[in-house]
Amino acid sequence: MREAALVGSGAALGAVARFLLSALLPGAAILLAINIVGSALMGYFKPAPFWGTGVLGGFTSFATFAFLTGEMSPARAAAYVTATLVGCVGAYLLGSRARA
């Protein structure tokens, strides 16, 4: 139960950080940047549950990604999905290698 509370607390912090950045810089591009930066941090630090699943899990958001993608034209959605997949997986791998 203690770990669940830690992860939940971290997720709340990450979600608030994502919300604030999204409010300051609205649009799909900021979400892509948030997801890529979060993936790079996850790869580099390989953090414990509070920071990883919690903060970074709350900071990056698949639900918001899915919502925004669903609102786009099919061509733009395909480009955005591709950019997110390549960007996030690539950022994680680069972050992981940078630490090695």
PDB file of N, CA and C in Angstrom:
ATOM      1  N   MET A   1       0.818  -1.192   0.000  1.00  0.00           N
ATOM      2  CA  MET A   1       0.000   0.000   0.000  1.00  0.00           C
ATOM      3  C   MET A   1       0.865   1.260   0.000  1.00  0.00           C
ATOM      4  N   ARG A   2       1.986   1.209   0.685  1.00  0.00           N
ATOM      5  CA  ARG A   2       2.883   2.360   0.742  1.00  0.00           C
ATOM      6  C   ARG A   2       3.395   2.723  -0.647  1.00  0.00           C
ATOM      7  N   GLU A   3       3.776   1.713  -1.444  1.00  0.00           N
ATOM      8  CA  GLU A   3       4.278   1.981  -2.788  1.00  0.00           C
ATOM      9  C   GLU A   3       3.189   2.578  -3.673  1.00  0.00           C
ATOM     10  N   ALA A   4       1.957   2.113  -3.529  1.00  0.00           N
ATOM     11  CA  ALA A   4       0.854   2.669  -4.308  1.00  0.00           C
ATOM     12  C   ALA A   4       0.645   4.147  -3.970  1.00  0.00           C
ATOM     13  N   ALA A   5       0.770   4.508  -2.698  1.00  0.00           N
ATOM     14  CA  ALA A   5       0.633   5.911  -2.300  1.00  0.00           C
ATOM     15  C   ALA A   5       1.780   6.746  -2.866  1.00  0.00           C
ATOM     16  N   LEU A   6       2.988   6.178  -2.885  1.00  0.00           N
ATOM     17  CA  LEU A   6       4.129   6.903  -3.450  1.00  0.00           C
ATOM     18  C   LEU A   6       3.937   7.132  -4.951  1.00  0.00           C
ATOM     19  N   VAL A   7       3.527   6.095  -5.659  1.00  0.00           N
ATOM     20  CA  VAL A   7       3.310   6.208  -7.102  1.00  0.00           C
ATOM     21  C   VAL A   7       2.185   7.205  -7.380  1.00  0.00           C
ATOM     22  N   GLY A   8       1.120   7.128  -6.626  1.00  0.00           N
ATOM     23  CA  GLY A   8       0.001   8.053  -6.808  1.00  0.00           C
ATOM     24  C   GLY A   8       0.404   9.499  -6.556  1.00  0.00           C
ATOM     25  N   SER A   9       1.200   9.719  -5.525  1.00  0.00           N
ATOM     26  CA  SER A   9       1.690  11.074  -5.233  1.00  0.00           C
ATOM     27  C   SER A   9       2.568  11.580  -6.375  1.00  0.00           C
ATOM     28  N   GLY A  10       3.449  10.720  -6.858  1.00  0.00           N
ATOM     29  CA  GLY A  10       4.308  11.099  -7.973  1.00  0.00           C
ATOM     30  C   GLY A  10       3.509  11.385  -9.232  1.00  0.00           C
ATOM     31  N   ALA A  11       2.505  10.553  -9.489  1.00  0.00           N
ATOM     32  CA  ALA A  11       1.667  10.748 -10.684  1.00  0.00           C
ATOM     33  C   ALA A  11       0.938  12.084 -10.619  1.00  0.00           C
ATOM     34  N   ALA A  12       0.480  12.457  -9.431  1.00  0.00           N
ATOM     35  CA  ALA A  12      -0.188  13.756  -9.276  1.00  0.00           C
ATOM     36  C   ALA A  12       0.774  14.891  -9.604  1.00  0.00           C
ATOM     37  N   LEU A  13       1.992  14.808  -9.123  1.00  0.00           N
ATOM     38  CA  LEU A  13       2.987  15.844  -9.420  1.00  0.00           C
ATOM     39  C   LEU A  13       3.287  15.921 -10.916  1.00  0.00           C
ATOM     40  N   GLY A  14       3.471  14.767 -11.532  1.00  0.00           N
ATOM     41  CA  GLY A  14       3.752  14.734 -12.964  1.00  0.00           C
ATOM     42  C   GLY A  14       2.596  15.275 -13.790  1.00  0.00           C
ATOM     43  N   ALA A  15       1.377  14.932 -13.403  1.00  0.00           N
ATOM     44  CA  ALA A  15       0.204  15.404 -14.141  1.00  0.00           C
ATOM     45  C   ALA A  15       0.055  16.920 -14.024  1.00  0.00           C
ATOM     46  N   VAL A  16       0.320  17.463 -12.844  1.00  0.00           N
ATOM     47  CA  VAL A  16       0.251  18.914 -12.664  1.00  0.00           C
ATOM     48  C   VAL A  16       1.318  19.601 -13.509  1.00  0.00           C
ATOM     49  N   ALA A  17       2.524  19.034 -13.541  1.00  0.00           N
ATOM     50  CA  ALA A  17       3.592  19.609 -14.374  1.00  0.00           C
ATOM     51  C   ALA A  17       3.186  19.597 -15.848  1.00  0.00           C
ATOM     52  N   ARG A  18       2.617  18.477 -16.317  1.00  0.00           N
ATOM     53  CA  ARG A  18       2.161  18.391 -17.709  1.00  0.00           C
ATOM     54  C   ARG A  18       1.062  19.405 -17.973  1.00  0.00           C
ATOM     55  N   PHE A  19       0.126  19.532 -17.051  1.00  0.00           N
ATOM     56  CA  PHE A  19      -0.972  20.479 -17.212  1.00  0.00           C
ATOM     57  C   PHE A  19      -0.455  21.914 -17.324  1.00  0.00           C
ATOM     58  N   LEU A  20       0.468  22.271 -16.450  1.00  0.00           N
ATOM     59  CA  LEU A  20       1.008  23.634 -16.466  1.00  0.00           C
ATOM     60  C   LEU A  20       1.750  23.928 -17.771  1.00  0.00           C
ATOM     61  N   LEU A  21       2.580  22.988 -18.214  1.00  0.00           N
ATOM     62  CA  LEU A  21       3.276  23.185 -19.492  1.00  0.00           C
ATOM     63  C   LEU A  21       2.303  23.276 -20.656  1.00  0.00           C
ATOM     64  N   SER A  22       1.282  22.440 -20.642  1.00  0.00           N
ATOM     65  CA  SER A  22       0.283  22.450 -21.710  1.00  0.00           C
ATOM     66  C   SER A  22      -0.522  23.746 -21.699  1.00  0.00           C
ATOM     67  N   ALA A  23      -0.756  24.308 -20.521  1.00  0.00           N
ATOM     68  CA  ALA A  23      -1.485  25.575 -20.429  1.00  0.00           C
ATOM     69  C   ALA A  23      -0.628  26.730 -20.950  1.00  0.00           C
ATOM     70  N   LEU A  24       0.669  26.659 -20.671  1.00  0.00           N
ATOM     71  CA  LEU A  24       1.575  27.713 -21.134  1.00  0.00           C
ATOM     72  C   LEU A  24       1.832  27.632 -22.625  1.00  0.00           C
ATOM     73  N   LEU A  25       1.922  26.421 -23.147  1.00  0.00           N
ATOM     74  CA  LEU A  25       2.255  26.186 -24.552  1.00  0.00           C
ATOM     75  C   LEU A  25       1.251  25.210 -25.150  1.00  0.00           C
ATOM     76  N   PRO A  26       0.039  25.668 -25.473  1.00  0.00           N
ATOM     77  CA  PRO A  26      -0.995  24.739 -25.947  1.00  0.00           C
ATOM     78  C   PRO A  26      -0.672  24.145 -27.315  1.00  0.00           C
ATOM     79  N   GLY A  27      -1.260  22.992 -27.561  1.00  0.00           N
ATOM     80  CA  GLY A  27      -1.129  22.340 -28.865  1.00  0.00           C
ATOM     81  C   GLY A  27      -0.505  20.968 -28.759  1.00  0.00           C
ATOM     82  N   ALA A  28      -0.581  20.255 -29.855  1.00  0.00           N
ATOM     83  CA  ALA A  28      -0.082  18.883 -29.897  1.00  0.00           C
ATOM     84  C   ALA A  28       1.437  18.819 -29.822  1.00  0.00           C
ATOM     85  N   ALA A  29       2.129  19.855 -30.300  1.00  0.00           N
ATOM     86  CA  ALA A  29       3.597  19.831 -30.314  1.00  0.00           C
ATOM     87  C   ALA A  29       4.168  19.757 -28.903  1.00  0.00           C
ATOM     88  N   ILE A  30       3.561  20.459 -27.958  1.00  0.00           N
ATOM     89  CA  ILE A  30       4.084  20.421 -26.589  1.00  0.00           C
ATOM     90  C   ILE A  30       3.883  19.034 -25.980  1.00  0.00           C
ATOM     91  N   LEU A  31       2.774  18.381 -26.292  1.00  0.00           N
ATOM     92  CA  LEU A  31       2.567  17.022 -25.775  1.00  0.00           C
ATOM     93  C   LEU A  31       3.615  16.075 -26.339  1.00  0.00           C
ATOM     94  N   LEU A  32       3.923  16.221 -27.603  1.00  0.00           N
ATOM     95  CA  LEU A  32       4.968  15.393 -28.200  1.00  0.00           C
ATOM     96  C   LEU A  32       6.294  15.650 -27.494  1.00  0.00           C
ATOM     97  N   ALA A  33       6.621  16.897 -27.252  1.00  0.00           N
ATOM     98  CA  ALA A  33       7.868  17.236 -26.554  1.00  0.00           C
ATOM     99  C   ALA A  33       7.873  16.678 -25.134  1.00  0.00           C
ATOM    100  N   ILE A  34       6.755  16.799 -24.434  1.00  0.00           N
ATOM    101  CA  ILE A  34       6.654  16.262 -23.069  1.00  0.00           C
ATOM    102  C   ILE A  34       6.884  14.752 -23.083  1.00  0.00           C
ATOM    103  N   ASN A  35       6.240  14.050 -24.002  1.00  0.00           N
ATOM    104  CA  ASN A  35       6.382  12.592 -24.061  1.00  0.00           C
ATOM    105  C   ASN A  35       7.810  12.181 -24.420  1.00  0.00           C
ATOM    106  N   ILE A  36       8.447  12.909 -25.321  1.00  0.00           N
ATOM    107  CA  ILE A  36       9.824  12.577 -25.701  1.00  0.00           C
ATOM    108  C   ILE A  36      10.785  12.867 -24.557  1.00  0.00           C
ATOM    109  N   VAL A  37      10.644  14.018 -23.915  1.00  0.00           N
ATOM    110  CA  VAL A  37      11.512  14.347 -22.773  1.00  0.00           C
ATOM    111  C   VAL A  37      11.306  13.341 -21.638  1.00  0.00           C
ATOM    112  N   GLY A  38      10.056  13.015 -21.343  1.00  0.00           N
ATOM    113  CA  GLY A  38       9.774  12.025 -20.293  1.00  0.00           C
ATOM    114  C   GLY A  38      10.380  10.672 -20.617  1.00  0.00           C
ATOM    115  N   SER A  39      10.317  10.265 -21.879  1.00  0.00           N
ATOM    116  CA  SER A  39      10.905   8.987 -22.292  1.00  0.00           C
ATOM    117  C   SER A  39      12.421   9.004 -22.151  1.00  0.00           C
ATOM    118  N   ALA A  40      13.045  10.119 -22.529  1.00  0.00           N
ATOM    119  CA  ALA A  40      14.502  10.239 -22.392  1.00  0.00           C
ATOM    120  C   ALA A  40      14.910  10.183 -20.925  1.00  0.00           C
ATOM    121  N   LEU A  41      14.177  10.870 -20.065  1.00  0.00           N
ATOM    122  CA  LEU A  41      14.485  10.850 -18.626  1.00  0.00           C
ATOM    123  C   LEU A  41      14.320   9.444 -18.053  1.00  0.00           C
ATOM    124  N   MET A  42      13.284   8.751 -18.493  1.00  0.00           N
ATOM    125  CA  MET A  42      13.053   7.379 -18.023  1.00  0.00           C
ATOM    126  C   MET A  42      14.204   6.480 -18.456  1.00  0.00           C
ATOM    127  N   GLY A  43      14.647   6.618 -19.689  1.00  0.00           N
ATOM    128  CA  GLY A  43      15.756   5.804 -20.182  1.00  0.00           C
ATOM    129  C   GLY A  43      17.058   6.123 -19.480  1.00  0.00           C
ATOM    130  N   TYR A  44      17.299   7.396 -19.209  1.00  0.00           N
ATOM    131  CA  TYR A  44      18.559   7.805 -18.592  1.00  0.00           C
ATOM    132  C   TYR A  44      18.620   7.407 -17.113  1.00  0.00           C
ATOM    133  N   PHE A  45      17.580   7.728 -16.376  1.00  0.00           N
ATOM    134  CA  PHE A  45      17.615   7.517 -14.931  1.00  0.00           C
ATOM    135  C   PHE A  45      17.132   6.145 -14.485  1.00  0.00           C
ATOM    136  N   LYS A  46      16.284   5.492 -15.294  1.00  0.00           N
ATOM    137  CA  LYS A  46      15.670   4.221 -14.890  1.00  0.00           C
ATOM    138  C   LYS A  46      15.217   4.319 -13.431  1.00  0.00           C
ATOM    139  N   PRO A  47      14.321   5.273 -13.168  1.00  0.00           N
ATOM    140  CA  PRO A  47      13.983   5.633 -11.790  1.00  0.00           C
ATOM    141  C   PRO A  47      13.131   4.602 -11.056  1.00  0.00           C
ATOM    142  N   ALA A  48      13.144   4.749  -9.752  1.00  0.00           N
ATOM    143  CA  ALA A  48      12.308   3.936  -8.864  1.00  0.00           C
ATOM    144  C   ALA A  48      10.833   4.310  -9.101  1.00  0.00           C
ATOM    145  N   PRO A  49       9.895   3.558  -8.516  1.00  0.00           N
ATOM    146  CA  PRO A  49       8.477   3.771  -8.797  1.00  0.00           C
ATOM    147  C   PRO A  49       7.958   5.204  -8.588  1.00  0.00           C
ATOM    148  N   PHE A  50       8.384   5.911  -7.545  1.00  0.00           N
ATOM    149  CA  PHE A  50       7.870   7.268  -7.329  1.00  0.00           C
ATOM    150  C   PHE A  50       8.189   8.157  -8.520  1.00  0.00           C
ATOM    151  N   TRP A  51       9.437   8.168  -8.940  1.00  0.00           N
ATOM    152  CA  TRP A  51       9.857   9.022 -10.055  1.00  0.00           C
ATOM    153  C   TRP A  51       9.485   8.442 -11.409  1.00  0.00           C
ATOM    154  N   GLY A  52       9.575   7.128 -11.578  1.00  0.00           N
ATOM    155  CA  GLY A  52       9.320   6.508 -12.875  1.00  0.00           C
ATOM    156  C   GLY A  52       7.844   6.364 -13.184  1.00  0.00           C
ATOM    157  N   THR A  53       7.216   5.373 -12.569  1.00  0.00           N
ATOM    158  CA  THR A  53       5.794   5.133 -12.799  1.00  0.00           C
ATOM    159  C   THR A  53       4.968   6.323 -12.330  1.00  0.00           C
ATOM    160  N   GLY A  54       5.393   6.948 -11.237  1.00  0.00           N
ATOM    161  CA  GLY A  54       4.664   8.078 -10.675  1.00  0.00           C
ATOM    162  C   GLY A  54       4.845   9.364 -11.451  1.00  0.00           C
ATOM    163  N   VAL A  55       5.927  10.092 -11.162  1.00  0.00           N
ATOM    164  CA  VAL A  55       6.124  11.420 -11.742  1.00  0.00           C
ATOM    165  C   VAL A  55       6.190  11.367 -13.265  1.00  0.00           C
ATOM    166  N   LEU A  56       7.081  10.547 -13.812  1.00  0.00           N
ATOM    167  CA  LEU A  56       7.211  10.506 -15.277  1.00  0.00           C
ATOM    168  C   LEU A  56       5.992   9.874 -15.937  1.00  0.00           C
ATOM    169  N   GLY A  57       5.368   8.912 -15.263  1.00  0.00           N
ATOM    170  CA  GLY A  57       4.136   8.333 -15.794  1.00  0.00           C
ATOM    171  C   GLY A  57       3.003   9.349 -15.839  1.00  0.00           C
ATOM    172  N   GLY A  58       2.931  10.208 -14.821  1.00  0.00           N
ATOM    173  CA  GLY A  58       1.925  11.270 -14.814  1.00  0.00           C
ATOM    174  C   GLY A  58       2.271  12.405 -15.761  1.00  0.00           C
ATOM    175  N   PHE A  59       3.566  12.653 -15.928  1.00  0.00           N
ATOM    176  CA  PHE A  59       4.032  13.733 -16.805  1.00  0.00           C
ATOM    177  C   PHE A  59       3.751  13.409 -18.268  1.00  0.00           C
ATOM    178  N   THR A  60       4.091  12.198 -18.679  1.00  0.00           N
ATOM    179  CA  THR A  60       3.763  11.754 -20.033  1.00  0.00           C
ATOM    180  C   THR A  60       2.334  11.223 -19.984  1.00  0.00           C
ATOM    181  N   SER A  61       1.643  11.250 -21.090  1.00  0.00           N
ATOM    182  CA  SER A  61       0.240  10.860 -21.026  1.00  0.00           C
ATOM    183  C   SER A  61      -0.246  10.224 -22.312  1.00  0.00           C
ATOM    184  N   PHE A  62      -0.532   8.954 -22.227  1.00  0.00           N
ATOM    185  CA  PHE A  62      -1.067   8.272 -23.399  1.00  0.00           C
ATOM    186  C   PHE A  62      -2.514   8.671 -23.642  1.00  0.00           C
ATOM    187  N   ALA A  63      -3.264   8.918 -22.588  1.00  0.00           N
ATOM    188  CA  ALA A  63      -4.666   9.292 -22.758  1.00  0.00           C
ATOM    189  C   ALA A  63      -4.785  10.628 -23.498  1.00  0.00           C
ATOM    190  N   THR A  64      -3.972  11.588 -23.128  1.00  0.00           N
ATOM    191  CA  THR A  64      -4.000  12.884 -23.811  1.00  0.00           C
ATOM    192  C   THR A  64      -3.540  12.723 -25.251  1.00  0.00           C
ATOM    193  N   PHE A  65      -2.517  11.909 -25.454  1.00  0.00           N
ATOM    194  CA  PHE A  65      -2.037  11.599 -26.808  1.00  0.00           C
ATOM    195  C   PHE A  65      -3.175  11.018 -27.646  1.00  0.00           C
ATOM    196  N   ALA A  66      -3.898  10.053 -27.091  1.00  0.00           N
ATOM    197  CA  ALA A  66      -4.989   9.409 -27.827  1.00  0.00           C
ATOM    198  C   ALA A  66      -6.107  10.406 -28.134  1.00  0.00           C
ATOM    199  N   PHE A  67      -6.439  11.250 -27.177  1.00  0.00           N
ATOM    200  CA  PHE A  67      -7.483  12.256 -27.398  1.00  0.00           C
ATOM    201  C   PHE A  67      -7.096  13.214 -28.517  1.00  0.00           C
ATOM    202  N   LEU A  68      -5.889  13.767 -28.440  1.00  0.00           N
ATOM    203  CA  LEU A  68      -5.455  14.715 -29.466  1.00  0.00           C
ATOM    204  C   LEU A  68      -5.381  14.052 -30.839  1.00  0.00           C
ATOM    205  N   THR A  69      -4.877  12.832 -30.884  1.00  0.00           N
ATOM    206  CA  THR A  69      -4.773  12.118 -32.151  1.00  0.00           C
ATOM    207  C   THR A  69      -6.156  11.883 -32.754  1.00  0.00           C
ATOM    208  N   GLY A  70      -7.120  11.557 -31.914  1.00  0.00           N
ATOM    209  CA  GLY A  70      -8.483  11.323 -32.379  1.00  0.00           C
ATOM    210  C   GLY A  70      -9.146  12.563 -32.950  1.00  0.00           C
ATOM    211  N   GLU A  71      -8.669  13.729 -32.568  1.00  0.00           N
ATOM    212  CA  GLU A  71      -9.224  14.987 -33.051  1.00  0.00           C
ATOM    213  C   GLU A  71      -8.582  15.462 -34.359  1.00  0.00           C
ATOM    214  N   MET A  72      -7.513  14.784 -34.805  1.00  0.00           N
ATOM    215  CA  MET A  72      -6.768  15.212 -35.995  1.00  0.00           C
ATOM    216  C   MET A  72      -7.312  14.549 -37.257  1.00  0.00           C
ATOM    217  N   SER A  73      -6.939  15.122 -38.389  1.00  0.00           N
ATOM    218  CA  SER A  73      -7.268  14.485 -39.667  1.00  0.00           C
ATOM    219  C   SER A  73      -6.472  13.178 -39.748  1.00  0.00           C
ATOM    220  N   PRO A  74      -6.914  12.229 -40.563  1.00  0.00           N
ATOM    221  CA  PRO A  74      -6.188  10.958 -40.648  1.00  0.00           C
ATOM    222  C   PRO A  74      -4.704  11.116 -41.025  1.00  0.00           C
ATOM    223  N   ALA A  75      -4.400  11.998 -41.956  1.00  0.00           N
ATOM    224  CA  ALA A  75      -3.000  12.175 -42.364  1.00  0.00           C
ATOM    225  C   ALA A  75      -2.163  12.774 -41.235  1.00  0.00           C
ATOM    226  N   ARG A  76      -2.709  13.784 -40.575  1.00  0.00           N
ATOM    227  CA  ARG A  76      -1.977  14.405 -39.464  1.00  0.00           C
ATOM    228  C   ARG A  76      -1.843  13.424 -38.288  1.00  0.00           C
ATOM    229  N   ALA A  77      -2.886  12.658 -38.028  1.00  0.00           N
ATOM    230  CA  ALA A  77      -2.837  11.672 -36.948  1.00  0.00           C
ATOM    231  C   ALA A  77      -1.764  10.618 -37.225  1.00  0.00           C
ATOM    232  N   ALA A  78      -1.674  10.154 -38.456  1.00  0.00           N
ATOM    233  CA  ALA A  78      -0.653   9.157 -38.811  1.00  0.00           C
ATOM    234  C   ALA A  78       0.747   9.726 -38.608  1.00  0.00           C
ATOM    235  N   ALA A  79       0.941  10.960 -39.008  1.00  0.00           N
ATOM    236  CA  ALA A  79       2.255  11.601 -38.823  1.00  0.00           C
ATOM    237  C   ALA A  79       2.569  11.778 -37.345  1.00  0.00           C
ATOM    238  N   TYR A  80       1.568  12.169 -36.561  1.00  0.00           N
ATOM    239  CA  TYR A  80       1.770  12.395 -35.135  1.00  0.00           C
ATOM    240  C   TYR A  80       2.054  11.084 -34.394  1.00  0.00           C
ATOM    241  N   VAL A  81       1.325  10.033 -34.746  1.00  0.00           N
ATOM    242  CA  VAL A  81       1.564   8.718 -34.132  1.00  0.00           C
ATOM    243  C   VAL A  81       2.973   8.245 -34.466  1.00  0.00           C
ATOM    244  N   THR A  82       3.387   8.408 -35.709  1.00  0.00           N
ATOM    245  CA  THR A  82       4.733   8.003 -36.114  1.00  0.00           C
ATOM    246  C   THR A  82       5.792   8.810 -35.367  1.00  0.00           C
ATOM    247  N   ALA A  83       5.609  10.126 -35.292  1.00  0.00           N
ATOM    248  CA  ALA A  83       6.560  10.981 -34.584  1.00  0.00           C
ATOM    249  C   ALA A  83       6.640  10.610 -33.109  1.00  0.00           C
ATOM    250  N   THR A  84       5.503  10.295 -32.504  1.00  0.00           N
ATOM    251  CA  THR A  84       5.483   9.920 -31.089  1.00  0.00           C
ATOM    252  C   THR A  84       6.192   8.588 -30.874  1.00  0.00           C
ATOM    253  N   LEU A  85       5.887   7.608 -31.685  1.00  0.00           N
ATOM    254  CA  LEU A  85       6.506   6.291 -31.537  1.00  0.00           C
ATOM    255  C   LEU A  85       8.010   6.354 -31.742  1.00  0.00           C
ATOM    256  N   VAL A  86       8.432   6.946 -32.846  1.00  0.00           N
ATOM    257  CA  VAL A  86       9.864   7.044 -33.141  1.00  0.00           C
ATOM    258  C   VAL A  86      10.556   7.936 -32.113  1.00  0.00           C
ATOM    259  N   GLY A  87       9.934   9.078 -31.805  1.00  0.00           N
ATOM    260  CA  GLY A  87      10.537  10.017 -30.861  1.00  0.00           C
ATOM    261  C   GLY A  87      10.666   9.466 -29.461  1.00  0.00           C
ATOM    262  N   CYS A  88       9.611   8.849 -28.941  1.00  0.00           N
ATOM    263  CA  CYS A  88       9.641   8.355 -27.556  1.00  0.00           C
ATOM    264  C   CYS A  88      10.544   7.130 -27.397  1.00  0.00           C
ATOM    265  N   VAL A  89      10.428   6.177 -28.290  1.00  0.00           N
ATOM    266  CA  VAL A  89      11.298   4.997 -28.195  1.00  0.00           C
ATOM    267  C   VAL A  89      12.745   5.402 -28.435  1.00  0.00           C
ATOM    268  N   GLY A  90      12.971   6.256 -29.426  1.00  0.00           N
ATOM    269  CA  GLY A  90      14.325   6.736 -29.691  1.00  0.00           C
ATOM    270  C   GLY A  90      14.896   7.509 -28.517  1.00  0.00           C
ATOM    271  N   ALA A  91      14.094   8.367 -27.895  1.00  0.00           N
ATOM    272  CA  ALA A  91      14.557   9.147 -26.743  1.00  0.00           C
ATOM    273  C   ALA A  91      14.891   8.234 -25.562  1.00  0.00           C
ATOM    274  N   TYR A  92      14.058   7.229 -25.330  1.00  0.00           N
ATOM    275  CA  TYR A  92      14.351   6.282 -24.244  1.00  0.00           C
ATOM    276  C   TYR A  92      15.689   5.587 -24.490  1.00  0.00           C
ATOM    277  N   LEU A  93      15.865   5.105 -25.709  1.00  0.00           N
ATOM    278  CA  LEU A  93      17.106   4.397 -26.038  1.00  0.00           C
ATOM    279  C   LEU A  93      18.321   5.318 -25.944  1.00  0.00           C
ATOM    280  N   LEU A  94      18.184   6.548 -26.427  1.00  0.00           N
ATOM    281  CA  LEU A  94      19.299   7.501 -26.317  1.00  0.00           C
ATOM    282  C   LEU A  94      19.602   7.838 -24.861  1.00  0.00           C
ATOM    283  N   GLY A  95      18.541   8.030 -24.058  1.00  0.00           N
ATOM    284  CA  GLY A  95      18.745   8.281 -22.641  1.00  0.00           C
ATOM    285  C   GLY A  95      19.437   7.131 -21.945  1.00  0.00           C
ATOM    286  N   SER A  96      19.037   5.932 -22.289  1.00  0.00           N
ATOM    287  CA  SER A  96      19.650   4.731 -21.706  1.00  0.00           C
ATOM    288  C   SER A  96      21.111   4.605 -22.098  1.00  0.00           C
ATOM    289  N   ARG A  97      21.412   4.874 -23.355  1.00  0.00           N
ATOM    290  CA  ARG A  97      22.804   4.783 -23.828  1.00  0.00           C
ATOM    291  C   ARG A  97      23.661   5.905 -23.265  1.00  0.00           C
ATOM    292  N   ALA A  98      23.089   7.070 -23.066  1.00  0.00           N
ATOM    293  CA  ALA A  98      23.854   8.213 -22.532  1.00  0.00           C
ATOM    294  C   ALA A  98      24.343   7.918 -21.120  1.00  0.00           C
ATOM    295  N   ARG A  99      23.594   7.112 -20.411  1.00  0.00           N
ATOM    296  CA  ARG A  99      23.975   6.777 -19.042  1.00  0.00           C
ATOM    297  C   ARG A  99      25.034   5.704 -18.996  1.00  0.00           C
ATOM    298  N   ALA A 100      25.081   4.870 -20.013  1.00  0.00           N
ATOM    299  CA  ALA A 100      26.000   3.710 -20.010  1.00  0.00           C
ATOM    300  C   ALA A 100      27.451   4.103 -20.111  1.00  0.00           C
TER     301      ALA A 100
END
